[in-house]
Amino acid sequence: DRGMRYSLHNDSPVVPSDCRMLLWSAVNRRTRSGKVLGEEHRISAEEALRGITIDAAYQHFEDDIKGSIEAGKLADLVITEQDPVRIPPDELRNLTIAETIKRGETIFQA
């Protein structure tokens, strides 16, 4: 609400590095037992994607080289089969990864 930029991240290796779970957690704010934790802190999928991408790069002073799809930036991205902004929030942790690109090279393709 204050226009502050924040990032979403996890404490690997304590928990597996899985951006789908970060996205799901930020949007749903649900614990493993199903309780909603801090409902007023839920954010949209689009806001969560910013927290994983451009705002995370900003926090690390790297938004000039990564975090968004622009000419001249590192081409590190994941392509999903579903649009995370348009699917039901509960389905976010089950996004199907179609392709992963690192520095402009495909490193995974379904």
PDB file of N, CA and C in Angstrom:
ATOM      1  N   ASP A   1       0.816  -1.205   0.000  1.00  0.00           N
ATOM      2  CA  ASP A   1       0.000   0.000   0.000  1.00  0.00           C
ATOM      3  C   ASP A   1       0.857   1.265   0.000  1.00  0.00           C
ATOM      4  N   ARG A   2       2.074   1.163   0.495  1.00  0.00           N
ATOM      5  CA  ARG A   2       2.967   2.320   0.583  1.00  0.00           C
ATOM      6  C   ARG A   2       3.880   2.450  -0.624  1.00  0.00           C
ATOM      7  N   GLY A   3       3.738   1.557  -1.592  1.00  0.00           N
ATOM      8  CA  GLY A   3       4.552   1.628  -2.793  1.00  0.00           C
ATOM      9  C   GLY A   3       5.976   1.126  -2.602  1.00  0.00           C
ATOM     10  N   MET A   4       6.232   0.437  -1.515  1.00  0.00           N
ATOM     11  CA  MET A   4       7.573  -0.087  -1.247  1.00  0.00           C
ATOM     12  C   MET A   4       7.821  -1.319  -2.109  1.00  0.00           C
ATOM     13  N   ARG A   5       9.061  -1.467  -2.576  1.00  0.00           N
ATOM     14  CA  ARG A   5       9.432  -2.646  -3.349  1.00  0.00           C
ATOM     15  C   ARG A   5       9.937  -3.712  -2.381  1.00  0.00           C
ATOM     16  N   TYR A   6       9.506  -4.931  -2.578  1.00  0.00           N
ATOM     17  CA  TYR A   6       9.926  -6.036  -1.721  1.00  0.00           C
ATOM     18  C   TYR A   6      10.190  -7.240  -2.610  1.00  0.00           C
ATOM     19  N   SER A   7      10.926  -8.180  -2.074  1.00  0.00           N
ATOM     20  CA  SER A   7      11.205  -9.393  -2.838  1.00  0.00           C
ATOM     21  C   SER A   7      10.639 -10.605  -2.116  1.00  0.00           C
ATOM     22  N   LEU A   8      10.441 -11.656  -2.877  1.00  0.00           N
ATOM     23  CA  LEU A   8      10.007 -12.931  -2.323  1.00  0.00           C
ATOM     24  C   LEU A   8      11.150 -13.908  -2.523  1.00  0.00           C
ATOM     25  N   HIS A   9      11.496 -14.602  -1.475  1.00  0.00           N
ATOM     26  CA  HIS A   9      12.604 -15.549  -1.547  1.00  0.00           C
ATOM     27  C   HIS A   9      12.412 -16.604  -0.469  1.00  0.00           C
ATOM     28  N   ASN A  10      13.205 -17.659  -0.564  1.00  0.00           N
ATOM     29  CA  ASN A  10      13.134 -18.680   0.480  1.00  0.00           C
ATOM     30  C   ASN A  10      14.530 -18.942   1.013  1.00  0.00           C
ATOM     31  N   ASP A  11      14.581 -19.692   2.067  1.00  0.00           N
ATOM     32  CA  ASP A  11      15.826 -19.935   2.770  1.00  0.00           C
ATOM     33  C   ASP A  11      16.401 -21.293   2.373  1.00  0.00           C
ATOM     34  N   SER A  12      16.864 -21.382   1.129  1.00  0.00           N
ATOM     35  CA  SER A  12      17.453 -22.627   0.652  1.00  0.00           C
ATOM     36  C   SER A  12      18.814 -22.812   1.314  1.00  0.00           C
ATOM     37  N   PRO A  13      19.210 -23.969   1.744  1.00  0.00           N
ATOM     38  CA  PRO A  13      18.617 -25.281   1.517  1.00  0.00           C
ATOM     39  C   PRO A  13      17.633 -25.730   2.592  1.00  0.00           C
ATOM     40  N   VAL A  14      17.204 -24.838   3.469  1.00  0.00           N
ATOM     41  CA  VAL A  14      16.239 -25.220   4.506  1.00  0.00           C
ATOM     42  C   VAL A  14      14.933 -25.675   3.850  1.00  0.00           C
ATOM     43  N   VAL A  15      14.506 -24.964   2.840  1.00  0.00           N
ATOM     44  CA  VAL A  15      13.337 -25.356   2.050  1.00  0.00           C
ATOM     45  C   VAL A  15      13.762 -25.416   0.591  1.00  0.00           C
ATOM     46  N   PRO A  16      13.129 -26.263  -0.209  1.00  0.00           N
ATOM     47  CA  PRO A  16      13.509 -26.358  -1.626  1.00  0.00           C
ATOM     48  C   PRO A  16      13.285 -25.034  -2.359  1.00  0.00           C
ATOM     49  N   SER A  17      14.170 -24.732  -3.273  1.00  0.00           N
ATOM     50  CA  SER A  17      14.039 -23.529  -4.088  1.00  0.00           C
ATOM     51  C   SER A  17      13.011 -23.791  -5.179  1.00  0.00           C
ATOM     52  N   ASP A  18      11.817 -23.256  -5.000  1.00  0.00           N
ATOM     53  CA  ASP A  18      10.724 -23.481  -5.941  1.00  0.00           C
ATOM     54  C   ASP A  18       9.891 -22.211  -6.021  1.00  0.00           C
ATOM     55  N   CYS A  19      10.077 -21.450  -7.081  1.00  0.00           N
ATOM     56  CA  CYS A  19       9.364 -20.178  -7.220  1.00  0.00           C
ATOM     57  C   CYS A  19       7.857 -20.359  -7.324  1.00  0.00           C
ATOM     58  N   ARG A  20       7.418 -21.530  -7.779  1.00  0.00           N
ATOM     59  CA  ARG A  20       5.971 -21.779  -7.833  1.00  0.00           C
ATOM     60  C   ARG A  20       5.391 -21.761  -6.423  1.00  0.00           C
ATOM     61  N   MET A  21       6.115 -22.312  -5.475  1.00  0.00           N
ATOM     62  CA  MET A  21       5.632 -22.334  -4.086  1.00  0.00           C
ATOM     63  C   MET A  21       5.689 -20.926  -3.485  1.00  0.00           C
ATOM     64  N   LEU A  22       6.722 -20.156  -3.825  1.00  0.00           N
ATOM     65  CA  LEU A  22       6.782 -18.765  -3.364  1.00  0.00           C
ATOM     66  C   LEU A  22       5.573 -17.989  -3.864  1.00  0.00           C
ATOM     67  N   LEU A  23       5.263 -18.164  -5.132  1.00  0.00           N
ATOM     68  CA  LEU A  23       4.125 -17.494  -5.750  1.00  0.00           C
ATOM     69  C   LEU A  23       2.832 -17.903  -5.047  1.00  0.00           C
ATOM     70  N   TRP A  24       2.630 -19.204  -4.884  1.00  0.00           N
ATOM     71  CA  TRP A  24       1.436 -19.722  -4.230  1.00  0.00           C
ATOM     72  C   TRP A  24       1.315 -19.187  -2.802  1.00  0.00           C
ATOM     73  N   SER A  25       2.411 -19.210  -2.065  1.00  0.00           N
ATOM     74  CA  SER A  25       2.397 -18.773  -0.668  1.00  0.00           C
ATOM     75  C   SER A  25       2.048 -17.301  -0.525  1.00  0.00           C
ATOM     76  N   ALA A  26       2.620 -16.464  -1.372  1.00  0.00           N
ATOM     77  CA  ALA A  26       2.364 -15.021  -1.279  1.00  0.00           C
ATOM     78  C   ALA A  26       0.917 -14.678  -1.627  1.00  0.00           C
ATOM     79  N   VAL A  27       0.347 -15.404  -2.563  1.00  0.00           N
ATOM     80  CA  VAL A  27      -1.028 -15.136  -2.996  1.00  0.00           C
ATOM     81  C   VAL A  27      -2.051 -15.734  -2.027  1.00  0.00           C
ATOM     82  N   ASN A  28      -1.786 -16.931  -1.531  1.00  0.00           N
ATOM     83  CA  ASN A  28      -2.759 -17.623  -0.688  1.00  0.00           C
ATOM     84  C   ASN A  28      -2.558 -17.434   0.808  1.00  0.00           C
ATOM     85  N   ARG A  29      -1.299 -17.275   1.246  1.00  0.00           N
ATOM     86  CA  ARG A  29      -0.982 -17.094   2.670  1.00  0.00           C
ATOM     87  C   ARG A  29      -1.557 -18.222   3.524  1.00  0.00           C
ATOM     88  N   ARG A  30      -1.464 -19.461   3.021  1.00  0.00           N
ATOM     89  CA  ARG A  30      -2.025 -20.602   3.725  1.00  0.00           C
ATOM     90  C   ARG A  30      -0.916 -21.496   4.256  1.00  0.00           C
ATOM     91  N   THR A  31      -1.074 -21.948   5.490  1.00  0.00           N
ATOM     92  CA  THR A  31      -0.099 -22.844   6.101  1.00  0.00           C
ATOM     93  C   THR A  31      -0.345 -24.282   5.633  1.00  0.00           C
ATOM     94  N   ARG A  32       0.580 -25.177   5.979  1.00  0.00           N
ATOM     95  CA  ARG A  32       0.398 -26.599   5.622  1.00  0.00           C
ATOM     96  C   ARG A  32      -0.881 -27.177   6.214  1.00  0.00           C
ATOM     97  N   SER A  33      -1.307 -26.664   7.357  1.00  0.00           N
ATOM     98  CA  SER A  33      -2.532 -27.175   7.984  1.00  0.00           C
ATOM     99  C   SER A  33      -3.792 -26.546   7.389  1.00  0.00           C
ATOM    100  N   GLY A  34      -3.624 -25.611   6.460  1.00  0.00           N
ATOM    101  CA  GLY A  34      -4.766 -25.003   5.795  1.00  0.00           C
ATOM    102  C   GLY A  34      -5.233 -23.690   6.378  1.00  0.00           C
ATOM    103  N   LYS A  35      -4.585 -23.235   7.459  1.00  0.00           N
ATOM    104  CA  LYS A  35      -4.973 -21.968   8.086  1.00  0.00           C
ATOM    105  C   LYS A  35      -4.398 -20.803   7.278  1.00  0.00           C
ATOM    106  N   VAL A  36      -5.212 -19.765   7.076  1.00  0.00           N
ATOM    107  CA  VAL A  36      -4.732 -18.555   6.396  1.00  0.00           C
ATOM    108  C   VAL A  36      -3.975 -17.719   7.414  1.00  0.00           C
ATOM    109  N   LEU A  37      -2.749 -17.385   7.080  1.00  0.00           N
ATOM    110  CA  LEU A  37      -1.869 -16.645   7.970  1.00  0.00           C
ATOM    111  C   LEU A  37      -1.674 -15.236   7.423  1.00  0.00           C
ATOM    112  N   GLY A  38      -2.288 -14.261   8.060  1.00  0.00           N
ATOM    113  CA  GLY A  38      -2.153 -12.872   7.614  1.00  0.00           C
ATOM    114  C   GLY A  38      -2.907 -12.581   6.334  1.00  0.00           C
ATOM    115  N   GLU A  39      -4.202 -12.830   6.341  1.00  0.00           N
ATOM    116  CA  GLU A  39      -5.028 -12.625   5.153  1.00  0.00           C
ATOM    117  C   GLU A  39      -4.844 -11.227   4.552  1.00  0.00           C
ATOM    118  N   GLU A  40      -4.659 -10.239   5.399  1.00  0.00           N
ATOM    119  CA  GLU A  40      -4.501  -8.859   4.923  1.00  0.00           C
ATOM    120  C   GLU A  40      -3.183  -8.646   4.180  1.00  0.00           C
ATOM    121  N   HIS A  41      -2.295  -9.637   4.228  1.00  0.00           N
ATOM    122  CA  HIS A  41      -1.016  -9.534   3.534  1.00  0.00           C
ATOM    123  C   HIS A  41      -0.993 -10.299   2.213  1.00  0.00           C
ATOM    124  N   ARG A  42      -2.122 -10.873   1.829  1.00  0.00           N
ATOM    125  CA  ARG A  42      -2.203 -11.533   0.528  1.00  0.00           C
ATOM    126  C   ARG A  42      -1.939 -10.513  -0.575  1.00  0.00           C
ATOM    127  N   ILE A  43      -1.278 -10.969  -1.634  1.00  0.00           N
ATOM    128  CA  ILE A  43      -1.036 -10.103  -2.784  1.00  0.00           C
ATOM    129  C   ILE A  43      -1.499 -10.829  -4.039  1.00  0.00           C
ATOM    130  N   SER A  44      -1.615 -10.100  -5.125  1.00  0.00           N
ATOM    131  CA  SER A  44      -2.035 -10.706  -6.387  1.00  0.00           C
ATOM    132  C   SER A  44      -0.882 -11.503  -6.990  1.00  0.00           C
ATOM    133  N   ALA A  45      -1.205 -12.376  -7.923  1.00  0.00           N
ATOM    134  CA  ALA A  45      -0.166 -13.149  -8.616  1.00  0.00           C
ATOM    135  C   ALA A  45       0.793 -12.216  -9.351  1.00  0.00           C
ATOM    136  N   GLU A  46       0.280 -11.159  -9.917  1.00  0.00           N
ATOM    137  CA  GLU A  46       1.139 -10.202 -10.628  1.00  0.00           C
ATOM    138  C   GLU A  46       2.117  -9.525  -9.665  1.00  0.00           C
ATOM    139  N   GLU A  47       1.640  -9.134  -8.491  1.00  0.00           N
ATOM    140  CA  GLU A  47       2.525  -8.532  -7.494  1.00  0.00           C
ATOM    141  C   GLU A  47       3.578  -9.535  -7.027  1.00  0.00           C
ATOM    142  N   ALA A  48       3.165 -10.789  -6.847  1.00  0.00           N
ATOM    143  CA  ALA A  48       4.110 -11.824  -6.424  1.00  0.00           C
ATOM    144  C   ALA A  48       5.173 -12.066  -7.491  1.00  0.00           C
ATOM    145  N   LEU A  49       4.781 -12.057  -8.747  1.00  0.00           N
ATOM    146  CA  LEU A  49       5.756 -12.232  -9.832  1.00  0.00           C
ATOM    147  C   LEU A  49       6.786 -11.105  -9.829  1.00  0.00           C
ATOM    148  N   ARG A  50       6.349  -9.898  -9.541  1.00  0.00           N
ATOM    149  CA  ARG A  50       7.301  -8.777  -9.417  1.00  0.00           C
ATOM    150  C   ARG A  50       8.278  -9.023  -8.270  1.00  0.00           C
ATOM    151  N   GLY A  51       7.775  -9.579  -7.164  1.00  0.00           N
ATOM    152  CA  GLY A  51       8.628  -9.854  -6.012  1.00  0.00           C
ATOM    153  C   GLY A  51       9.662 -10.931  -6.273  1.00  0.00           C
ATOM    154  N   ILE A  52       9.396 -11.786  -7.235  1.00  0.00           N
ATOM    155  CA  ILE A  52      10.315 -12.856  -7.599  1.00  0.00           C
ATOM    156  C   ILE A  52      11.280 -12.416  -8.699  1.00  0.00           C
ATOM    157  N   THR A  53      10.902 -11.419  -9.471  1.00  0.00           N
ATOM    158  CA  THR A  53      11.686 -11.034 -10.646  1.00  0.00           C
ATOM    159  C   THR A  53      12.322  -9.655 -10.490  1.00  0.00           C
ATOM    160  N   ILE A  54      11.699  -8.641 -11.029  1.00  0.00           N
ATOM    161  CA  ILE A  54      12.321  -7.307 -11.116  1.00  0.00           C
ATOM    162  C   ILE A  54      12.582  -6.692  -9.741  1.00  0.00           C
ATOM    163  N   ASP A  55      11.676  -6.890  -8.783  1.00  0.00           N
ATOM    164  CA  ASP A  55      11.906  -6.291  -7.465  1.00  0.00           C
ATOM    165  C   ASP A  55      12.991  -7.034  -6.688  1.00  0.00           C
ATOM    166  N   ALA A  56      13.136  -8.336  -6.928  1.00  0.00           N
ATOM    167  CA  ALA A  56      14.249  -9.075  -6.319  1.00  0.00           C
ATOM    168  C   ALA A  56      15.576  -8.615  -6.914  1.00  0.00           C
ATOM    169  N   ALA A  57      15.599  -8.407  -8.222  1.00  0.00           N
ATOM    170  CA  ALA A  57      16.815  -7.900  -8.871  1.00  0.00           C
ATOM    171  C   ALA A  57      17.144  -6.497  -8.342  1.00  0.00           C
ATOM    172  N   TYR A  58      16.135  -5.672  -8.153  1.00  0.00           N
ATOM    173  CA  TYR A  58      16.317  -4.321  -7.605  1.00  0.00           C
ATOM    174  C   TYR A  58      16.942  -4.382  -6.218  1.00  0.00           C
ATOM    175  N   GLN A  59      16.446  -5.302  -5.384  1.00  0.00           N
ATOM    176  CA  GLN A  59      16.958  -5.424  -4.027  1.00  0.00           C
ATOM    177  C   GLN A  59      18.448  -5.788  -4.016  1.00  0.00           C
ATOM    178  N   HIS A  60      18.877  -6.499  -5.029  1.00  0.00           N
ATOM    179  CA  HIS A  60      20.286  -6.913  -5.130  1.00  0.00           C
ATOM    180  C   HIS A  60      21.109  -5.971  -6.015  1.00  0.00           C
ATOM    181  N   PHE A  61      20.538  -4.816  -6.351  1.00  0.00           N
ATOM    182  CA  PHE A  61      21.203  -3.825  -7.204  1.00  0.00           C
ATOM    183  C   PHE A  61      21.590  -4.424  -8.556  1.00  0.00           C
ATOM    184  N   GLU A  62      20.732  -5.313  -9.090  1.00  0.00           N
ATOM    185  CA  GLU A  62      21.002  -5.968 -10.366  1.00  0.00           C
ATOM    186  C   GLU A  62      19.884  -5.770 -11.380  1.00  0.00           C
ATOM    187  N   ASP A  63      18.971  -4.833 -11.119  1.00  0.00           N
ATOM    188  CA  ASP A  63      17.852  -4.634 -12.026  1.00  0.00           C
ATOM    189  C   ASP A  63      18.273  -4.046 -13.371  1.00  0.00           C
ATOM    190  N   ASP A  64      19.532  -3.615 -13.472  1.00  0.00           N
ATOM    191  CA  ASP A  64      20.020  -3.143 -14.767  1.00  0.00           C
ATOM    192  C   ASP A  64      20.454  -4.296 -15.668  1.00  0.00           C
ATOM    193  N   ILE A  65      20.640  -5.507 -15.092  1.00  0.00           N
ATOM    194  CA  ILE A  65      21.082  -6.650 -15.892  1.00  0.00           C
ATOM    195  C   ILE A  65      20.114  -7.830 -15.859  1.00  0.00           C
ATOM    196  N   LYS A  66      19.138  -7.819 -14.937  1.00  0.00           N
ATOM    197  CA  LYS A  66      18.195  -8.945 -14.856  1.00  0.00           C
ATOM    198  C   LYS A  66      16.897  -8.512 -14.208  1.00  0.00           C
ATOM    199  N   GLY A  67      15.934  -9.435 -14.210  1.00  0.00           N
ATOM    200  CA  GLY A  67      14.667  -9.188 -13.518  1.00  0.00           C
ATOM    201  C   GLY A  67      13.503  -8.843 -14.424  1.00  0.00           C
ATOM    202  N   SER A  68      13.791  -8.472 -15.670  1.00  0.00           N
ATOM    203  CA  SER A  68      12.731  -8.178 -16.633  1.00  0.00           C
ATOM    204  C   SER A  68      13.235  -8.566 -18.022  1.00  0.00           C
ATOM    205  N   ILE A  69      12.305  -8.754 -18.921  1.00  0.00           N
ATOM    206  CA  ILE A  69      12.662  -9.154 -20.282  1.00  0.00           C
ATOM    207  C   ILE A  69      12.875  -7.894 -21.102  1.00  0.00           C
ATOM    208  N   GLU A  70      14.149  -7.564 -21.307  1.00  0.00           N
ATOM    209  CA  GLU A  70      14.523  -6.380 -22.064  1.00  0.00           C
ATOM    210  C   GLU A  70      15.804  -6.665 -22.827  1.00  0.00           C
ATOM    211  N   ALA A  71      15.965  -6.011 -23.958  1.00  0.00           N
ATOM    212  CA  ALA A  71      17.194  -6.160 -24.748  1.00  0.00           C
ATOM    213  C   ALA A  71      18.394  -5.783 -23.884  1.00  0.00           C
ATOM    214  N   GLY A  72      19.438  -6.618 -23.937  1.00  0.00           N
ATOM    215  CA  GLY A  72      20.666  -6.360 -23.199  1.00  0.00           C
ATOM    216  C   GLY A  72      20.715  -6.964 -21.813  1.00  0.00           C
ATOM    217  N   LYS A  73      19.591  -7.459 -21.304  1.00  0.00           N
ATOM    218  CA  LYS A  73      19.577  -8.085 -19.981  1.00  0.00           C
ATOM    219  C   LYS A  73      19.789  -9.587 -20.116  1.00  0.00           C
ATOM    220  N   LEU A  74      20.211 -10.226 -19.017  1.00  0.00           N
ATOM    221  CA  LEU A  74      20.363 -11.678 -19.006  1.00  0.00           C
ATOM    222  C   LEU A  74      19.012 -12.327 -19.289  1.00  0.00           C
ATOM    223  N   ALA A  75      19.005 -13.290 -20.157  1.00  0.00           N
ATOM    224  CA  ALA A  75      17.757 -13.953 -20.522  1.00  0.00           C
ATOM    225  C   ALA A  75      17.566 -15.192 -19.659  1.00  0.00           C
ATOM    226  N   ASP A  76      17.265 -14.985 -18.378  1.00  0.00           N
ATOM    227  CA  ASP A  76      16.972 -16.066 -17.440  1.00  0.00           C
ATOM    228  C   ASP A  76      15.471 -16.032 -17.183  1.00  0.00           C
ATOM    229  N   LEU A  77      14.767 -17.056 -17.638  1.00  0.00           N
ATOM    230  CA  LEU A  77      13.326 -17.054 -17.437  1.00  0.00           C
ATOM    231  C   LEU A  77      12.746 -18.446 -17.514  1.00  0.00           C
ATOM    232  N   VAL A  78      11.547 -18.562 -16.996  1.00  0.00           N
ATOM    233  CA  VAL A  78      10.791 -19.808 -17.020  1.00  0.00           C
ATOM    234  C   VAL A  78       9.499 -19.533 -17.774  1.00  0.00           C
ATOM    235  N   ILE A  79       9.171 -20.433 -18.673  1.00  0.00           N
ATOM    236  CA  ILE A  79       7.915 -20.345 -19.422  1.00  0.00           C
ATOM    237  C   ILE A  79       6.995 -21.424 -18.870  1.00  0.00           C
ATOM    238  N   THR A  80       5.803 -21.009 -18.470  1.00  0.00           N
ATOM    239  CA  THR A  80       4.837 -21.963 -17.924  1.00  0.00           C
ATOM    240  C   THR A  80       3.728 -22.216 -18.937  1.00  0.00           C
ATOM    241  N   GLU A  81       3.098 -23.373 -18.823  1.00  0.00           N
ATOM    242  CA  GLU A  81       1.991 -23.702 -19.721  1.00  0.00           C
ATOM    243  C   GLU A  81       0.740 -22.903 -19.387  1.00  0.00           C
ATOM    244  N   GLN A  82       0.567 -22.555 -18.123  1.00  0.00           N
ATOM    245  CA  GLN A  82      -0.597 -21.775 -17.699  1.00  0.00           C
ATOM    246  C   GLN A  82      -0.148 -20.335 -17.429  1.00  0.00           C
ATOM    247  N   ASP A  83      -1.078 -19.403 -17.559  1.00  0.00           N
ATOM    248  CA  ASP A  83      -0.799 -18.013 -17.225  1.00  0.00           C
ATOM    249  C   ASP A  83      -1.024 -17.840 -15.726  1.00  0.00           C
ATOM    250  N   PRO A  84       0.031 -17.608 -14.945  1.00  0.00           N
ATOM    251  CA  PRO A  84      -0.131 -17.517 -13.482  1.00  0.00           C
ATOM    252  C   PRO A  84      -1.032 -16.386 -13.022  1.00  0.00           C
ATOM    253  N   VAL A  85      -1.253 -15.397 -13.842  1.00  0.00           N
ATOM    254  CA  VAL A  85      -2.115 -14.275 -13.466  1.00  0.00           C
ATOM    255  C   VAL A  85      -3.590 -14.621 -13.664  1.00  0.00           C
ATOM    256  N   ARG A  86      -3.858 -15.625 -14.503  1.00  0.00           N
ATOM    257  CA  ARG A  86      -5.245 -15.921 -14.857  1.00  0.00           C
ATOM    258  C   ARG A  86      -5.801 -17.224 -14.276  1.00  0.00           C
ATOM    259  N   ILE A  87      -4.970 -18.026 -13.628  1.00  0.00           N
ATOM    260  CA  ILE A  87      -5.491 -19.276 -13.074  1.00  0.00           C
ATOM    261  C   ILE A  87      -5.928 -19.071 -11.629  1.00  0.00           C
ATOM    262  N   PRO A  88      -6.760 -19.974 -11.096  1.00  0.00           N
ATOM    263  CA  PRO A  88      -7.171 -19.846  -9.699  1.00  0.00           C
ATOM    264  C   PRO A  88      -5.947 -19.884  -8.765  1.00  0.00           C
ATOM    265  N   PRO A  89      -5.927 -19.074  -7.736  1.00  0.00           N
ATOM    266  CA  PRO A  89      -4.781 -18.991  -6.828  1.00  0.00           C
ATOM    267  C   PRO A  89      -4.318 -20.333  -6.266  1.00  0.00           C
ATOM    268  N   ASP A  90      -5.243 -21.244  -5.997  1.00  0.00           N
ATOM    269  CA  ASP A  90      -4.855 -22.542  -5.448  1.00  0.00           C
ATOM    270  C   ASP A  90      -4.032 -23.381  -6.424  1.00  0.00           C
ATOM    271  N   GLU A  91      -4.095 -23.075  -7.704  1.00  0.00           N
ATOM    272  CA  GLU A  91      -3.388 -23.855  -8.706  1.00  0.00           C
ATOM    273  C   GLU A  91      -1.961 -23.353  -8.970  1.00  0.00           C
ATOM    274  N   LEU A  92      -1.562 -22.266  -8.343  1.00  0.00           N
ATOM    275  CA  LEU A  92      -0.260 -21.666  -8.640  1.00  0.00           C
ATOM    276  C   LEU A  92       0.922 -22.586  -8.330  1.00  0.00           C
ATOM    277  N   ARG A  93       0.846 -23.376  -7.300  1.00  0.00           N
ATOM    278  CA  ARG A  93       1.985 -24.242  -6.974  1.00  0.00           C
ATOM    279  C   ARG A  93       2.092 -25.426  -7.919  1.00  0.00           C
ATOM    280  N   ASN A  94       1.090 -25.613  -8.771  1.00  0.00           N
ATOM    281  CA  ASN A  94       1.105 -26.716  -9.728  1.00  0.00           C
ATOM    282  C   ASN A  94       1.341 -26.248 -11.163  1.00  0.00           C
ATOM    283  N   LEU A  95       1.849 -25.040 -11.325  1.00  0.00           N
ATOM    284  CA  LEU A  95       2.155 -24.563 -12.676  1.00  0.00           C
ATOM    285  C   LEU A  95       3.071 -25.566 -13.376  1.00  0.00           C
ATOM    286  N   THR A  96       2.797 -25.839 -14.621  1.00  0.00           N
ATOM    287  CA  THR A  96       3.625 -26.752 -15.402  1.00  0.00           C
ATOM    288  C   THR A  96       4.705 -25.951 -16.112  1.00  0.00           C
ATOM    289  N   ILE A  97       5.952 -26.311 -15.867  1.00  0.00           N
ATOM    290  CA  ILE A  97       7.080 -25.634 -16.511  1.00  0.00           C
ATOM    291  C   ILE A  97       7.246 -26.202 -17.922  1.00  0.00           C
ATOM    292  N   ALA A  98       7.146 -25.353 -18.919  1.00  0.00           N
ATOM    293  CA  ALA A  98       7.314 -25.772 -20.305  1.00  0.00           C
ATOM    294  C   ALA A  98       8.773 -25.647 -20.745  1.00  0.00           C
ATOM    295  N   GLU A  99       9.447 -24.596 -20.254  1.00  0.00           N
ATOM    296  CA  GLU A  99      10.837 -24.375 -20.662  1.00  0.00           C
ATOM    297  C   GLU A  99      11.530 -23.471 -19.650  1.00  0.00           C
ATOM    298  N   THR A 100      12.809 -23.726 -19.432  1.00  0.00           N
ATOM    299  CA  THR A 100      13.650 -22.871 -18.595  1.00  0.00           C
ATOM    300  C   THR A 100      14.820 -22.408 -19.451  1.00  0.00           C
ATOM    301  N   ILE A 101      15.046 -21.104 -19.423  1.00  0.00           N
ATOM    302  CA  ILE A 101      16.116 -20.503 -20.221  1.00  0.00           C
ATOM    303  C   ILE A 101      17.077 -19.799 -19.268  1.00  0.00           C
ATOM    304  N   LYS A 102      18.356 -20.076 -19.399  1.00  0.00           N
ATOM    305  CA  LYS A 102      19.399 -19.470 -18.561  1.00  0.00           C
ATOM    306  C   LYS A 102      20.419 -18.815 -19.479  1.00  0.00           C
ATOM    307  N   ARG A 103      20.609 -17.514 -19.309  1.00  0.00           N
ATOM    308  CA  ARG A 103      21.552 -16.742 -20.138  1.00  0.00           C
ATOM    309  C   ARG A 103      21.311 -16.965 -21.637  1.00  0.00           C
ATOM    310  N   GLY A 104      20.017 -17.039 -21.986  1.00  0.00           N
ATOM    311  CA  GLY A 104      19.644 -17.162 -23.380  1.00  0.00           C
ATOM    312  C   GLY A 104      19.668 -18.564 -23.945  1.00  0.00           C
ATOM    313  N   GLU A 105      20.041 -19.572 -23.138  1.00  0.00           N
ATOM    314  CA  GLU A 105      20.108 -20.951 -23.593  1.00  0.00           C
ATOM    315  C   GLU A 105      19.051 -21.791 -22.877  1.00  0.00           C
ATOM    316  N   THR A 106      18.341 -22.628 -23.621  1.00  0.00           N
ATOM    317  CA  THR A 106      17.370 -23.524 -23.017  1.00  0.00           C
ATOM    318  C   THR A 106      18.117 -24.585 -22.211  1.00  0.00           C
ATOM    319  N   ILE A 107      17.781 -24.686 -20.913  1.00  0.00           N
ATOM    320  CA  ILE A 107      18.400 -25.710 -20.085  1.00  0.00           C
ATOM    321  C   ILE A 107      17.396 -26.784 -19.678  1.00  0.00           C
ATOM    322  N   PHE A 108      16.093 -26.515 -19.915  1.00  0.00           N
ATOM    323  CA  PHE A 108      15.064 -27.523 -19.679  1.00  0.00           C
ATOM    324  C   PHE A 108      13.942 -27.259 -20.664  1.00  0.00           C
ATOM    325  N   GLN A 109      13.416 -28.351 -21.221  1.00  0.00           N
ATOM    326  CA  GLN A 109      12.237 -28.243 -22.077  1.00  0.00           C
ATOM    327  C   GLN A 109      11.383 -29.468 -21.854  1.00  0.00           C
ATOM    328  N   ALA A 110      10.105 -29.254 -21.584  1.00  0.00           N
ATOM    329  CA  ALA A 110       9.185 -30.378 -21.313  1.00  0.00           C
ATOM    330  C   ALA A 110       8.962 -31.182 -22.582  1.00  0.00           C
TER     331      ALA A 110
END
